[in-house]
């Protein structure tokens, strides 16, 4: 019976993303499995497209109109059954296309594209295979003719086992010698993927992990779950500086002793260097890394290392949750409250949810860790749906930093127009005198944030997005932080009326300049998206700050979390008010978390820490609670607000976004989607649903597209997702996708 493959093709829209059937030619049958990557003719023109095989079956009398597969990728490119189950999960849960899910799971370098070989359609790797030649002994070295010294050296070097060409050349044995020995049958040559140790400079220096009594109690509780036969979940809540990482290391050590593997996720690229150093020093070279700062070749080699079973520990950012790691015993999400664990492009997945699925499939322990857990995570722990383990004291009994406030209204009244208050300037001066370091947080890039006409009051906005352009002094340009539009040189006159433009507001570049004026002897390191664009910039900057080559680290959110510098005794927070009064139901949670985290960067060693928060509302309850690091009181207030206003965890929160070139067409499409949804929901008994909108998004236009949204308060279960799919089908049947594309996000806090 002929074999039929049901495949999902690349570049399908969500409205036409279904399985298509193809005949499998006999020569491909033996090497084809579910999860295989294939090339298929598609559409009226039979243009070759990449596809993934989801089902294989035999049919006695297949439809004669079925087309035939053109080619298949090598077997090691196919998705494992576990990764294929994750693809199905992403497709079902996050309303992406099949192939968007595939591309999320497989890094770019391991993906394939259509091409030709010998005049026939073929699948071509995105990257040339990063392989190396490997030599091994295959026979005896003949005595005659007498072998030369290099041939003897080659045989002697290979007595201990196979070596790569690079390793042999480093010992003085060249390719010519090796090829000659292969011809004689003395050596055998093969190819393998290059082995890449990204952190060879970090010495393997394992030291006993010393835990305090409180840390030991936390470890004992979690180790019990780790060693149990089923899956488990826990929240490790500990104040900043309580030593959560030491508990992680001990858990990883126990996981490896049990013959299993560990996956460690961190929210920011900037946090990976410190975590990697600790893990590499403790556990050696069987460590792989997955994050976006690696180039495509490096990422592919690390992915292959994991795929071939050569890694016991994987550490990385959000996408590392898809690592092809088998036999997982432990998954850790450090700083689990961070929004970077939620993808903002298709598939719009949550690393929390994918990690839960992987832990359940592997019977692994999943540990969420934070000093400021997400309200949903804390609610689940308090409800008994996961274990709650608490570290209440800083390691070594060190006190939390003392926190004070600088009232910026009083600063302005006293004649200080600068963004750095007189009090903060004095504290920084004192720290310099003592030879101690400081961290300043300002979550705003650039120099000035707004260019406004002094005559007509118009703000100079991006022509593609409904946001003001930001002035960057180093480029002498206005930039859009959303679409990248640039106006250079920065204008001085209003394009509307010709009046003079006045620049106001402040970002990291302007604060850096103020600090250089106030503290001319200070060595200042600015760390934001503009300064960390180079490869390995995060690691290099943090290493230099750790070596005390700088006195002040000024940066955006990337300086607020997970960093540990023993000489940092002063932390300053600037410009927090814009977040405090921001949109989104998580705004208070985000402010509390950010302040708590950045304040916790100080006083982590012998020297006591202090923090200064600049604000126009020093008495605000959220700021006061964050200053005291009183998470319990904050959680009590926040969970009451969530319950009263019906926000997660008391409902699911879904944003349906609509984008298009014509504003009224987009609005009309959103309104019709709402009507289609309401009509179908009315037929479903007992299905809880509230629909708010349509309304413009916070940024009403982005990259020339108008944006509207519906906000759905619902229950994210199979029945509701089926309702949403049915509505999407009806939306497509009405030809509405031509007016506005649709995006569905279950992880938004109010906008896309």
Foldseek 3Di string as FASTA:
>chain_A
DWKKFWKFWPPDALLPTDTDIATEPPVCVVLDDQQWWFWWQDDPVRDITIIGTHDMDDDPDDDPPHHHTFETDGSLLGDDPVLSVQLVVLCLFQSGHSVLSVPLLDDQQSDWGWDDDPRGIYTHGPDDQQKFKKKAFQDDDDPPPPDDPLLVVVLVVRVVHIDTQVVSVVVVRHPVSRVVCVVVRGMDMDMDHDADQPPPVQAQAADDLDDDPQLVVLLVVQVVLLPDQFFAEEEEAEFQQAPVVSSVVVSQVVCVVVVAAEEEAEADPLQVVVVCSVCCNHPNRLEAEDEDLDPRSNNVNSLVCQSVPSHRYYYYYLSSLSRPHPRHAEYEYEQQADPSQFDPDPSRDGSVVSNVVVSRVNRHYYYYYDNQHDLQVVVCCVVVVHPYRYRYARPPRADFAAEDEDAVVVQVVVPNPDQQGPVNLVVLVVLVVVLFAEEEADAFDAFFQWKAFPPPGDTCPDPFWQGGFGHHVVQCWTADPFPGDIDPNHDQADPPPRGGIDTHHGHQVNVVVVSCVSPVPFFEAEDEPVQQPDRCSSVVSLVCVLVVVGRYYYYYLSQQADDEHQRYAEYEYGDLVCLCPDDFLCSLSVSLRRLSRNSSNHPSHDDHHYYYYYDNCCPDPSNVCSSVSPSVVVSVVSVVVCVVVVDPPNFFKKKKKWKDQDQVLRQVLQVVLVVLLVVLVVVDPPWDKDKDDQDAFPTQGGRNIGMTIIIMTGHSDSVVSVSNVVSSNVSVVVVSVVSINIGMHRSGRGHD
